[in-house]
């Protein structure tokens, strides 16, 4: 026979479980109702679309080892870093196309981020019109898939630098990272430890 005090304890625990279950169910129901009200009250907004503008892409050509301008109309954000990523993404999309004159796989997804920072002057301060340094963060998949060779790697690097300068004239210097880290070369040849001068598309020691 079950002792009386155990029976009482069992009844109390059972009632407590029922009450707690009811409270929890009620809280979940009210939270769900608040979520639905919030969804209903939220205004429906169309996604922001950047206005279309002319962009100058400096496109590499393996046939004559040149970098030539190509003007396209693209949706370009006003934010300089987003703008830089947009033009570089389009440039790499051209390289990933089947008929590319400078075939490189990867496309726009090869650009992880682009950071733009002002270059400090001799006083250590950067003026509002100061030249800027662009830091282009490439993905490791892009570096791994890039064709190896001094000329083809150099053309990719210089076309990226020239494209940045053509669309963001204040960008005068470019550095490269791969997955956020310094990398010795792009695919075994082009030096990624150096700073590149964007306007002249030549290396700076």
N, C-alpha and C. Protein backbone atom coordinates (compact mmCIF):
# COMPACT_ATOMS: atom_id res chain seq x y z
N UNK A 1 0.85 -1.20 0.00
CA UNK A 1 0.00 0.00 0.00
C UNK A 1 0.88 1.25 0.00
N UNK A 2 0.53 2.23 -0.86
CA UNK A 2 1.34 3.45 -0.97
C UNK A 2 1.06 4.35 0.23
N UNK A 3 2.13 4.79 0.90
CA UNK A 3 1.94 5.68 2.05
C UNK A 3 1.21 6.94 1.65
N UNK A 4 0.47 7.50 2.64
CA UNK A 4 -0.36 8.67 2.37
C UNK A 4 0.48 9.88 1.91
N UNK A 5 1.65 10.07 2.53
CA UNK A 5 2.44 11.26 2.19
C UNK A 5 2.98 11.18 0.75
N UNK A 6 3.25 9.96 0.26
CA UNK A 6 3.69 9.81 -1.12
C UNK A 6 2.56 10.08 -2.11
N UNK A 7 1.37 9.66 -1.71
CA UNK A 7 0.21 9.93 -2.57
C UNK A 7 -0.02 11.44 -2.69
N UNK A 8 0.05 12.11 -1.54
CA UNK A 8 -0.14 13.58 -1.55
C UNK A 8 0.93 14.25 -2.40
N UNK A 9 2.19 13.79 -2.25
CA UNK A 9 3.29 14.38 -3.01
C UNK A 9 3.09 14.16 -4.51
N UNK A 10 2.61 12.97 -4.88
CA UNK A 10 2.37 12.66 -6.29
C UNK A 10 1.30 13.57 -6.86
N UNK A 11 0.21 13.76 -6.08
CA UNK A 11 -0.89 14.62 -6.54
C UNK A 11 -0.40 16.05 -6.72
N UNK A 12 0.42 16.51 -5.78
CA UNK A 12 0.93 17.89 -5.87
C UNK A 12 1.82 18.05 -7.11
N UNK A 13 2.70 17.09 -7.35
CA UNK A 13 3.58 17.16 -8.52
C UNK A 13 2.78 17.10 -9.82
N UNK A 14 1.74 16.26 -9.82
CA UNK A 14 0.91 16.15 -11.01
C UNK A 14 0.21 17.46 -11.31
N UNK A 15 -0.38 18.07 -10.25
CA UNK A 15 -1.05 19.35 -10.44
C UNK A 15 -0.07 20.43 -10.89
N UNK A 16 1.15 20.41 -10.31
CA UNK A 16 2.15 21.40 -10.71
C UNK A 16 2.54 21.24 -12.18
N UNK A 17 2.67 19.99 -12.63
CA UNK A 17 3.02 19.73 -14.02
C UNK A 17 1.92 20.22 -14.96
N UNK A 18 0.66 19.96 -14.57
CA UNK A 18 -0.46 20.41 -15.40
C UNK A 18 -0.48 21.93 -15.49
N UNK A 19 -0.28 22.58 -14.34
CA UNK A 19 -0.32 24.05 -14.33
C UNK A 19 0.82 24.62 -15.16
N UNK A 20 2.02 24.07 -14.99
CA UNK A 20 3.16 24.56 -15.75
C UNK A 20 2.97 24.33 -17.25
N UNK A 21 2.39 23.18 -17.60
CA UNK A 21 2.11 22.92 -19.01
C UNK A 21 1.13 23.92 -19.59
N UNK A 22 0.09 24.24 -18.80
CA UNK A 22 -0.90 25.20 -19.26
C UNK A 22 -0.29 26.58 -19.43
N UNK A 23 0.56 26.97 -18.46
CA UNK A 23 1.22 28.29 -18.55
C UNK A 23 2.13 28.35 -19.77
N UNK A 24 2.92 27.29 -19.99
CA UNK A 24 3.83 27.26 -21.12
C UNK A 24 3.06 27.32 -22.44
N UNK A 25 1.98 26.55 -22.53
CA UNK A 25 1.18 26.56 -23.76
C UNK A 25 0.61 27.94 -24.01
N UNK A 26 0.15 28.61 -22.95
CA UNK A 26 -0.42 29.94 -23.09
C UNK A 26 0.63 30.95 -23.55
N UNK A 27 1.85 30.83 -23.00
CA UNK A 27 2.93 31.74 -23.40
C UNK A 27 3.31 31.53 -24.86
N UNK A 28 3.37 30.26 -25.28
CA UNK A 28 3.69 29.98 -26.67
C UNK A 28 2.62 30.53 -27.61
N UNK A 29 1.34 30.37 -27.19
CA UNK A 29 0.24 30.87 -28.02
C UNK A 29 0.32 32.39 -28.16
N UNK A 30 0.60 33.07 -27.05
CA UNK A 30 0.66 34.53 -27.09
C UNK A 30 1.87 35.01 -27.91
N UNK A 31 2.99 34.29 -27.78
CA UNK A 31 4.17 34.66 -28.56
C UNK A 31 3.89 34.50 -30.05
N UNK A 32 3.19 33.42 -30.38
CA UNK A 32 2.85 33.19 -31.79
C UNK A 32 1.92 34.28 -32.31
N UNK A 33 0.97 34.70 -31.48
CA UNK A 33 0.06 35.77 -31.89
C UNK A 33 0.81 37.08 -32.10
N UNK A 34 1.79 37.37 -31.21
CA UNK A 34 2.58 38.60 -31.37
C UNK A 34 3.39 38.55 -32.65
N UNK A 35 3.93 37.36 -32.95
CA UNK A 35 4.71 37.21 -34.18
C UNK A 35 3.84 37.47 -35.40
N UNK A 36 2.61 36.91 -35.39
CA UNK A 36 1.71 37.11 -36.52
C UNK A 36 1.31 38.57 -36.64
N UNK A 37 1.05 39.23 -35.51
CA UNK A 37 0.70 40.64 -35.56
C UNK A 37 1.84 41.47 -36.11
N UNK A 38 3.05 41.09 -35.69
CA UNK A 38 4.22 41.82 -36.19
C UNK A 38 4.41 41.64 -37.67
N UNK A 39 4.17 40.43 -38.17
CA UNK A 39 4.28 40.19 -39.60
C UNK A 39 3.22 40.94 -40.37
N UNK A 40 2.01 40.98 -39.81
CA UNK A 40 0.93 41.69 -40.50
C UNK A 40 1.18 43.18 -40.53
N UNK A 41 1.78 43.70 -39.41
CA UNK A 41 1.97 45.15 -39.31
C UNK A 41 3.19 45.62 -40.09
N UNK A 42 4.12 44.72 -40.38
CA UNK A 42 5.34 45.13 -41.07
C UNK A 42 5.01 45.57 -42.49
N UNK A 43 5.47 46.77 -42.87
CA UNK A 43 5.18 47.23 -44.23
C UNK A 43 5.96 46.43 -45.25
N UNK A 44 5.34 46.19 -46.37
CA UNK A 44 6.00 45.47 -47.45
C UNK A 44 6.81 46.48 -48.26
N UNK A 45 8.15 46.23 -48.34
CA UNK A 45 9.02 47.15 -49.05
C UNK A 45 9.70 46.42 -50.20
N UNK A 46 9.76 47.10 -51.31
CA UNK A 46 10.47 46.53 -52.44
C UNK A 46 11.97 46.57 -52.15
N UNK A 47 12.72 45.58 -52.59
CA UNK A 47 14.16 45.60 -52.37
C UNK A 47 14.80 46.79 -53.07
N UNK A 48 15.83 47.35 -52.42
CA UNK A 48 16.51 48.48 -53.00
C UNK A 48 17.32 48.03 -54.21
N UNK A 49 17.18 48.74 -55.31
CA UNK A 49 17.91 48.42 -56.53
C UNK A 49 18.78 49.62 -56.87
N UNK A 50 20.08 49.39 -57.02
CA UNK A 50 20.99 50.47 -57.33
C UNK A 50 20.71 50.98 -58.74
N UNK A 51 20.82 52.29 -58.94
CA UNK A 51 20.59 52.84 -60.28
C UNK A 51 21.67 52.38 -61.26
N UNK A 52 21.28 52.23 -62.51
CA UNK A 52 22.22 51.80 -63.54
C UNK A 52 23.11 52.98 -63.94
N UNK A 53 24.39 52.72 -64.02
CA UNK A 53 25.36 53.74 -64.42
C UNK A 53 26.39 53.10 -65.33
N UNK A 54 27.12 53.95 -66.03
CA UNK A 54 28.21 53.45 -66.85
C UNK A 54 29.41 53.11 -65.98
N UNK A 55 29.99 51.97 -66.23
CA UNK A 55 31.19 51.56 -65.52
C UNK A 55 32.26 51.19 -66.54
N UNK A 56 33.49 51.51 -66.21
CA UNK A 56 34.61 51.18 -67.10
C UNK A 56 35.36 50.00 -66.51
N UNK A 57 35.30 48.88 -67.20
CA UNK A 57 36.03 47.69 -66.77
C UNK A 57 37.31 47.59 -67.59
N UNK A 58 38.41 47.39 -66.92
CA UNK A 58 39.70 47.24 -67.58
C UNK A 58 39.95 45.75 -67.77
N UNK A 59 39.67 45.28 -68.98
CA UNK A 59 39.60 43.84 -69.25
C UNK A 59 40.90 43.33 -69.85
N UNK A 60 41.40 42.25 -69.27
CA UNK A 60 42.65 41.65 -69.73
C UNK A 60 42.41 40.80 -70.97
N UNK A 61 43.43 40.73 -71.82
CA UNK A 61 43.38 39.92 -73.04
C UNK A 61 44.67 39.13 -73.14
N UNK A 62 44.55 37.81 -73.10
CA UNK A 62 45.73 36.96 -73.15
C UNK A 62 46.41 36.97 -74.52
N UNK A 63 45.68 37.33 -75.56
CA UNK A 63 46.23 37.27 -76.92
C UNK A 63 47.41 38.22 -77.09
N UNK A 64 47.30 39.42 -76.49
CA UNK A 64 48.38 40.40 -76.63
C UNK A 64 48.87 40.92 -75.28
N UNK A 65 48.45 40.24 -74.20
CA UNK A 65 48.87 40.63 -72.85
C UNK A 65 48.55 42.09 -72.55
N UNK A 66 47.37 42.52 -72.97
CA UNK A 66 46.97 43.91 -72.76
C UNK A 66 45.81 43.98 -71.78
N UNK A 67 45.57 45.20 -71.29
CA UNK A 67 44.40 45.50 -70.46
C UNK A 67 43.70 46.67 -71.12
N UNK A 68 42.50 46.43 -71.65
CA UNK A 68 41.79 47.43 -72.42
C UNK A 68 40.45 47.78 -71.76
N UNK A 69 40.01 49.05 -71.89
CA UNK A 69 38.74 49.46 -71.28
C UNK A 69 37.53 48.91 -72.02
N UNK A 70 36.51 48.55 -71.25
CA UNK A 70 35.22 48.16 -71.82
C UNK A 70 34.14 48.84 -70.98
N UNK A 71 33.31 49.63 -71.63
CA UNK A 71 32.28 50.39 -70.92
C UNK A 71 30.97 49.60 -70.93
N UNK A 72 30.43 49.37 -69.73
CA UNK A 72 29.17 48.66 -69.58
C UNK A 72 28.25 49.46 -68.67
N UNK A 73 26.96 49.22 -68.79
CA UNK A 73 25.99 49.84 -67.90
C UNK A 73 25.60 48.83 -66.83
N UNK A 74 25.85 49.20 -65.57
CA UNK A 74 25.63 48.28 -64.45
C UNK A 74 24.88 48.98 -63.34
N UNK A 75 24.13 48.23 -62.51
CA UNK A 75 23.59 48.81 -61.28
C UNK A 75 24.72 49.01 -60.28
N UNK A 76 24.99 50.27 -59.93
CA UNK A 76 26.13 50.57 -59.07
C UNK A 76 25.68 51.24 -57.79
N UNK A 77 25.93 50.63 -56.64
CA UNK A 77 25.59 51.26 -55.36
C UNK A 77 26.40 52.53 -55.15
N UNK A 78 25.91 53.40 -54.28
CA UNK A 78 26.63 54.63 -53.97
C UNK A 78 27.77 54.39 -52.99
N UNK A 79 27.60 53.42 -52.11
CA UNK A 79 28.66 53.12 -51.16
C UNK A 79 29.92 52.68 -51.91
N UNK A 80 31.06 53.32 -51.65
CA UNK A 80 32.27 53.03 -52.44
C UNK A 80 32.70 51.56 -52.37
N UNK A 81 32.61 50.94 -51.20
CA UNK A 81 33.05 49.56 -51.08
C UNK A 81 32.12 48.61 -51.83
N UNK A 82 30.80 48.87 -51.74
CA UNK A 82 29.84 48.06 -52.49
C UNK A 82 30.00 48.30 -53.98
N UNK A 83 30.31 49.52 -54.34
CA UNK A 83 30.52 49.87 -55.75
C UNK A 83 31.74 49.14 -56.30
N UNK A 84 32.80 49.13 -55.51
CA UNK A 84 34.02 48.44 -55.92
C UNK A 84 33.77 46.95 -56.10
N UNK A 85 33.02 46.38 -55.17
CA UNK A 85 32.74 44.94 -55.27
C UNK A 85 31.87 44.65 -56.50
N UNK A 86 30.97 45.56 -56.84
CA UNK A 86 30.09 45.35 -57.99
C UNK A 86 30.88 45.34 -59.30
N UNK A 87 31.78 46.32 -59.47
CA UNK A 87 32.52 46.39 -60.73
C UNK A 87 33.53 45.24 -60.83
N UNK A 88 34.15 44.88 -59.70
CA UNK A 88 35.09 43.75 -59.75
C UNK A 88 34.35 42.43 -59.98
N UNK A 89 33.16 42.31 -59.41
CA UNK A 89 32.37 41.11 -59.64
C UNK A 89 32.02 40.95 -61.10
N UNK A 90 31.65 42.06 -61.76
CA UNK A 90 31.34 41.99 -63.19
C UNK A 90 32.58 41.66 -64.00
N UNK A 91 33.72 42.23 -63.60
CA UNK A 91 34.97 41.94 -64.30
C UNK A 91 35.29 40.44 -64.25
N UNK A 92 35.15 39.85 -63.06
CA UNK A 92 35.45 38.42 -62.93
C UNK A 92 34.38 37.55 -63.59
N UNK A 93 33.16 38.06 -63.69
CA UNK A 93 32.14 37.34 -64.46
C UNK A 93 32.53 37.27 -65.93
N UNK A 94 33.12 38.35 -66.45
CA UNK A 94 33.58 38.34 -67.84
C UNK A 94 34.68 37.29 -68.02
N UNK A 95 35.56 37.19 -67.05
CA UNK A 95 36.65 36.22 -67.14
C UNK A 95 36.14 34.77 -67.03
N UNK A 96 35.01 34.60 -66.36
CA UNK A 96 34.46 33.24 -66.19
C UNK A 96 33.56 32.82 -67.35
N UNK A 97 33.31 33.73 -68.29
CA UNK A 97 32.45 33.42 -69.44
C UNK A 97 33.15 32.44 -70.37
N UNK A 98 32.39 31.62 -71.10
CA UNK A 98 33.00 30.60 -71.99
C UNK A 98 33.91 31.20 -73.06
N UNK A 99 33.59 32.41 -73.54
CA UNK A 99 34.37 33.01 -74.63
C UNK A 99 35.34 34.07 -74.13
N UNK A 100 35.75 34.00 -72.88
CA UNK A 100 36.59 35.03 -72.29
C UNK A 100 37.95 35.09 -72.97
N UNK A 101 38.44 36.33 -73.18
CA UNK A 101 39.78 36.52 -73.74
C UNK A 101 40.85 36.31 -72.67
N UNK A 102 40.42 36.26 -71.42
CA UNK A 102 41.33 35.99 -70.30
C UNK A 102 40.59 35.04 -69.37
N UNK A 103 40.53 33.76 -69.72
CA UNK A 103 39.70 32.82 -68.95
C UNK A 103 40.21 32.52 -67.56
N UNK A 104 39.37 32.85 -66.58
CA UNK A 104 39.67 32.57 -65.17
C UNK A 104 38.36 32.14 -64.52
N UNK A 105 38.30 30.97 -63.91
CA UNK A 105 37.05 30.54 -63.28
C UNK A 105 36.78 31.28 -61.97
N UNK A 106 35.52 31.26 -61.56
CA UNK A 106 35.17 31.84 -60.26
C UNK A 106 34.05 32.85 -60.32
N UNK A 107 34.18 33.85 -61.17
CA UNK A 107 33.14 34.86 -61.29
C UNK A 107 33.05 35.78 -60.09
N UNK A 108 31.90 36.45 -59.98
CA UNK A 108 31.72 37.49 -58.96
C UNK A 108 31.87 36.97 -57.54
N UNK A 109 31.54 35.70 -57.31
CA UNK A 109 31.65 35.16 -55.95
C UNK A 109 33.09 35.05 -55.48
N UNK A 110 34.04 35.32 -56.36
CA UNK A 110 35.45 35.26 -55.97
C UNK A 110 35.88 36.48 -55.16
N UNK A 111 35.06 37.53 -55.17
CA UNK A 111 35.36 38.72 -54.38
C UNK A 111 34.64 38.60 -53.05
N UNK A 112 35.39 38.32 -51.98
CA UNK A 112 34.77 38.18 -50.67
C UNK A 112 34.38 39.55 -50.11
N UNK A 113 35.31 40.48 -50.09
CA UNK A 113 35.05 41.84 -49.63
C UNK A 113 36.02 42.78 -50.31
N UNK A 114 35.65 44.07 -50.29
CA UNK A 114 36.57 45.14 -50.67
C UNK A 114 36.49 46.19 -49.59
N UNK A 115 37.64 46.52 -49.02
CA UNK A 115 37.72 47.56 -48.00
C UNK A 115 38.47 48.75 -48.58
N UNK A 116 37.97 49.96 -48.31
CA UNK A 116 38.62 51.17 -48.81
C UNK A 116 38.94 52.07 -47.62
N UNK A 117 40.21 52.45 -47.51
CA UNK A 117 40.65 53.28 -46.39
C UNK A 117 41.46 54.45 -46.94
N UNK A 118 41.34 55.63 -46.33
CA UNK A 118 42.14 56.78 -46.79
C UNK A 118 43.61 56.58 -46.46
N UNK A 119 44.45 57.13 -47.30
CA UNK A 119 45.89 57.06 -47.09
C UNK A 119 46.32 58.32 -46.35
N UNK A 120 46.91 58.15 -45.18
CA UNK A 120 47.33 59.28 -44.37
C UNK A 120 48.46 60.04 -45.06
N UNK A 121 48.44 61.37 -44.87
CA UNK A 121 49.48 62.21 -45.45
C UNK A 121 50.67 62.27 -44.50
N UNK A 122 51.63 63.12 -44.82
CA UNK A 122 52.84 63.21 -44.00
C UNK A 122 52.55 63.57 -42.55
N UNK A 123 51.48 64.33 -42.33
CA UNK A 123 51.12 64.73 -40.96
C UNK A 123 50.50 63.60 -40.18
N UNK A 124 50.19 62.49 -40.87
CA UNK A 124 49.54 61.37 -40.20
C UNK A 124 48.04 61.44 -40.26
N UNK A 125 47.50 62.52 -40.86
CA UNK A 125 46.06 62.68 -40.97
C UNK A 125 45.64 62.56 -42.43
N UNK A 126 44.44 62.02 -42.64
CA UNK A 126 43.91 61.88 -44.00
C UNK A 126 42.88 62.98 -44.23
N UNK A 127 43.07 63.77 -45.29
CA UNK A 127 42.12 64.81 -45.63
C UNK A 127 40.91 64.20 -46.32
N UNK A 128 39.78 64.95 -46.39
CA UNK A 128 38.58 64.40 -47.05
C UNK A 128 38.82 64.00 -48.50
N UNK A 129 39.79 64.66 -49.16
CA UNK A 129 40.08 64.34 -50.56
C UNK A 129 41.33 63.48 -50.69
N UNK A 130 41.72 62.83 -49.62
CA UNK A 130 42.95 62.05 -49.64
C UNK A 130 42.83 60.85 -50.56
N UNK A 131 43.93 60.43 -51.16
CA UNK A 131 43.90 59.19 -51.95
C UNK A 131 43.56 58.01 -51.05
N UNK A 132 43.09 56.95 -51.67
CA UNK A 132 42.60 55.81 -50.89
C UNK A 132 43.30 54.52 -51.28
N UNK A 133 43.36 53.62 -50.32
CA UNK A 133 43.88 52.27 -50.52
C UNK A 133 42.71 51.30 -50.53
N UNK A 134 42.64 50.48 -51.56
CA UNK A 134 41.62 49.43 -51.61
C UNK A 134 42.26 48.10 -51.23
N UNK A 135 41.62 47.40 -50.32
CA UNK A 135 42.07 46.07 -49.94
C UNK A 135 41.06 45.08 -50.50
N UNK A 136 41.51 44.28 -51.46
CA UNK A 136 40.64 43.32 -52.14
C UNK A 136 40.85 41.95 -51.52
N UNK A 137 39.79 41.43 -50.92
CA UNK A 137 39.86 40.12 -50.27
C UNK A 137 39.27 39.08 -51.21
N UNK A 138 40.13 38.27 -51.80
CA UNK A 138 39.71 37.22 -52.72
C UNK A 138 39.44 35.93 -51.96
N UNK A 139 38.70 35.04 -52.56
CA UNK A 139 38.45 33.74 -51.92
C UNK A 139 39.57 32.77 -52.26
N UNK A 140 39.78 31.82 -51.37
CA UNK A 140 40.82 30.81 -51.62
C UNK A 140 40.44 29.94 -52.82
N UNK A 141 39.15 29.76 -53.07
CA UNK A 141 38.72 28.97 -54.23
C UNK A 141 39.16 29.66 -55.53
N UNK A 142 39.09 30.99 -55.57
CA UNK A 142 39.52 31.72 -56.75
C UNK A 142 41.02 31.55 -56.96
N UNK A 143 41.80 31.69 -55.90
CA UNK A 143 43.24 31.54 -56.00
C UNK A 143 43.61 30.11 -56.42
N UNK A 144 42.91 29.13 -55.86
CA UNK A 144 43.21 27.73 -56.18
C UNK A 144 42.87 27.40 -57.63
N UNK A 145 41.84 28.03 -58.17
CA UNK A 145 41.40 27.73 -59.53
C UNK A 145 42.03 28.60 -60.60
N UNK A 146 42.80 29.63 -60.18
CA UNK A 146 43.37 30.55 -61.17
C UNK A 146 44.48 29.86 -61.95
N UNK A 147 44.49 30.01 -63.29
CA UNK A 147 45.58 29.43 -64.08
C UNK A 147 46.93 29.96 -63.61
N UNK A 148 47.91 29.08 -63.51
CA UNK A 148 49.23 29.46 -63.04
C UNK A 148 50.08 29.97 -64.19
N UNK A 149 50.81 31.04 -63.92
CA UNK A 149 51.68 31.63 -64.94
C UNK A 149 51.88 33.10 -64.65
N UNK A 150 53.08 33.59 -64.81
CA UNK A 150 53.37 34.97 -64.46
C UNK A 150 52.52 35.96 -65.24
N UNK A 151 52.39 35.75 -66.55
CA UNK A 151 51.66 36.72 -67.37
C UNK A 151 50.17 36.71 -67.05
N UNK A 152 49.57 35.53 -66.97
CA UNK A 152 48.12 35.48 -66.74
C UNK A 152 47.76 35.97 -65.35
N UNK A 153 48.57 35.66 -64.35
CA UNK A 153 48.30 36.14 -62.99
C UNK A 153 48.47 37.65 -62.91
N UNK A 154 49.53 38.16 -63.55
CA UNK A 154 49.78 39.60 -63.51
C UNK A 154 48.66 40.36 -64.21
N UNK A 155 48.16 39.82 -65.32
CA UNK A 155 47.05 40.48 -66.01
C UNK A 155 45.82 40.57 -65.13
N UNK A 156 45.53 39.51 -64.38
CA UNK A 156 44.38 39.54 -63.47
C UNK A 156 44.55 40.62 -62.42
N UNK A 157 45.72 40.64 -61.79
CA UNK A 157 45.98 41.62 -60.73
C UNK A 157 45.90 43.04 -61.26
N UNK A 158 46.58 43.30 -62.39
CA UNK A 158 46.60 44.65 -62.92
C UNK A 158 45.23 45.09 -63.44
N UNK A 159 44.44 44.17 -63.98
CA UNK A 159 43.11 44.56 -64.45
C UNK A 159 42.19 44.90 -63.28
N UNK A 160 42.36 44.21 -62.17
CA UNK A 160 41.59 44.55 -60.97
C UNK A 160 41.97 45.94 -60.48
N UNK A 161 43.28 46.21 -60.41
CA UNK A 161 43.74 47.53 -59.95
C UNK A 161 43.23 48.63 -60.86
N UNK A 162 43.36 48.44 -62.18
CA UNK A 162 42.95 49.48 -63.12
C UNK A 162 41.44 49.69 -63.11
N UNK A 163 40.68 48.62 -62.92
CA UNK A 163 39.22 48.74 -62.86
C UNK A 163 38.80 49.54 -61.63
N UNK A 164 39.45 49.30 -60.51
CA UNK A 164 39.15 50.08 -59.31
C UNK A 164 39.43 51.56 -59.53
N UNK A 165 40.58 51.87 -60.10
CA UNK A 165 40.94 53.26 -60.32
C UNK A 165 40.04 53.94 -61.34
N UNK A 166 39.59 53.18 -62.35
CA UNK A 166 38.73 53.77 -63.39
C UNK A 166 37.36 54.17 -62.84
N UNK A 167 36.89 53.44 -61.83
CA UNK A 167 35.55 53.70 -61.30
C UNK A 167 35.56 54.43 -59.95
N UNK A 168 36.67 54.36 -59.25
CA UNK A 168 36.85 55.10 -58.01
C UNK A 168 38.21 55.79 -58.10
N UNK A 169 38.26 56.95 -58.74
CA UNK A 169 39.55 57.60 -59.04
C UNK A 169 40.42 57.87 -57.81
N UNK A 170 39.81 57.98 -56.64
CA UNK A 170 40.61 58.24 -55.45
C UNK A 170 41.37 57.00 -54.99
N UNK A 171 40.99 55.84 -55.50
CA UNK A 171 41.74 54.62 -55.17
C UNK A 171 43.01 54.62 -56.01
N UNK A 172 44.13 54.85 -55.35
CA UNK A 172 45.42 54.92 -56.04
C UNK A 172 46.32 53.74 -55.70
N UNK A 173 45.99 53.01 -54.65
CA UNK A 173 46.81 51.87 -54.26
C UNK A 173 45.91 50.68 -53.93
N UNK A 174 46.42 49.50 -54.20
CA UNK A 174 45.62 48.28 -53.99
C UNK A 174 46.48 47.22 -53.31
N UNK A 175 45.87 46.57 -52.31
CA UNK A 175 46.49 45.42 -51.66
C UNK A 175 45.55 44.23 -51.82
N UNK A 176 46.11 43.04 -51.73
CA UNK A 176 45.32 41.83 -51.90
C UNK A 176 45.45 40.92 -50.69
N UNK A 177 44.31 40.33 -50.31
CA UNK A 177 44.26 39.27 -49.31
C UNK A 177 43.55 38.08 -49.93
N UNK A 178 43.75 36.91 -49.34
CA UNK A 178 43.02 35.72 -49.74
C UNK A 178 42.42 35.11 -48.49
N UNK A 179 41.08 35.07 -48.45
CA UNK A 179 40.36 34.63 -47.24
C UNK A 179 40.81 35.40 -46.01
N UNK A 180 41.06 36.70 -46.18
CA UNK A 180 41.42 37.56 -45.06
C UNK A 180 42.86 37.46 -44.61
N UNK A 181 43.67 36.69 -45.32
CA UNK A 181 45.06 36.49 -44.92
C UNK A 181 46.00 36.93 -46.04
N UNK A 182 47.21 37.34 -45.62
CA UNK A 182 48.23 37.64 -46.61
C UNK A 182 48.67 36.36 -47.29
N UNK A 183 48.84 36.44 -48.61
CA UNK A 183 49.25 35.27 -49.39
C UNK A 183 50.43 35.68 -50.25
N UNK A 184 51.39 34.79 -50.40
CA UNK A 184 52.61 35.14 -51.12
C UNK A 184 52.35 35.45 -52.58
N UNK A 185 51.60 34.59 -53.27
CA UNK A 185 51.32 34.78 -54.69
C UNK A 185 49.87 34.43 -54.98
N UNK A 186 49.42 34.81 -56.17
CA UNK A 186 48.06 34.47 -56.57
C UNK A 186 47.95 32.99 -56.89
N UNK A 187 48.79 32.51 -57.81
CA UNK A 187 48.77 31.08 -58.16
C UNK A 187 50.19 30.59 -58.42
N UNK A 188 51.14 31.16 -57.67
CA UNK A 188 52.52 30.73 -57.78
C UNK A 188 53.47 31.76 -58.37
N UNK A 189 52.92 32.89 -58.90
CA UNK A 189 53.80 33.85 -59.57
C UNK A 189 53.53 35.30 -59.16
N UNK A 190 52.34 35.83 -59.43
CA UNK A 190 52.06 37.24 -59.16
C UNK A 190 52.14 37.52 -57.66
N UNK A 191 52.96 38.47 -57.29
CA UNK A 191 53.24 38.78 -55.90
C UNK A 191 52.04 39.47 -55.25
N UNK A 192 51.50 38.87 -54.20
CA UNK A 192 50.38 39.49 -53.47
C UNK A 192 50.82 40.11 -52.16
N UNK A 193 52.12 40.15 -51.90
CA UNK A 193 52.61 40.78 -50.67
C UNK A 193 52.92 42.25 -50.89
N UNK A 194 52.80 42.71 -52.11
CA UNK A 194 53.16 44.08 -52.46
C UNK A 194 51.93 44.97 -52.54
N UNK A 195 52.18 46.27 -52.51
CA UNK A 195 51.14 47.26 -52.79
C UNK A 195 51.24 47.63 -54.26
N UNK A 196 50.10 47.64 -54.94
CA UNK A 196 50.07 47.99 -56.36
C UNK A 196 49.55 49.41 -56.53
N UNK A 197 50.18 50.15 -57.45
CA UNK A 197 49.69 51.47 -57.81
C UNK A 197 48.59 51.28 -58.85
N UNK A 198 47.40 51.75 -58.53
CA UNK A 198 46.26 51.47 -59.39
C UNK A 198 46.30 52.24 -60.71
N UNK A 199 46.68 53.52 -60.67
CA UNK A 199 46.62 54.35 -61.86
C UNK A 199 47.61 53.89 -62.92
N UNK A 200 48.83 53.57 -62.50
CA UNK A 200 49.85 53.17 -63.46
C UNK A 200 49.85 51.67 -63.71
N UNK A 201 49.09 50.93 -62.91
CA UNK A 201 49.04 49.45 -62.97
C UNK A 201 50.44 48.86 -63.00
N UNK A 202 51.27 49.35 -62.11
CA UNK A 202 52.59 48.77 -61.92
C UNK A 202 52.79 48.49 -60.44
N UNK A 203 53.72 47.61 -60.14
CA UNK A 203 53.97 47.28 -58.75
C UNK A 203 54.72 48.38 -58.04
N UNK A 204 54.40 48.50 -56.77
CA UNK A 204 55.15 49.44 -55.93
C UNK A 204 55.90 48.62 -54.90
N UNK A 205 57.22 48.79 -54.77
CA UNK A 205 57.98 47.99 -53.80
C UNK A 205 57.47 48.21 -52.40
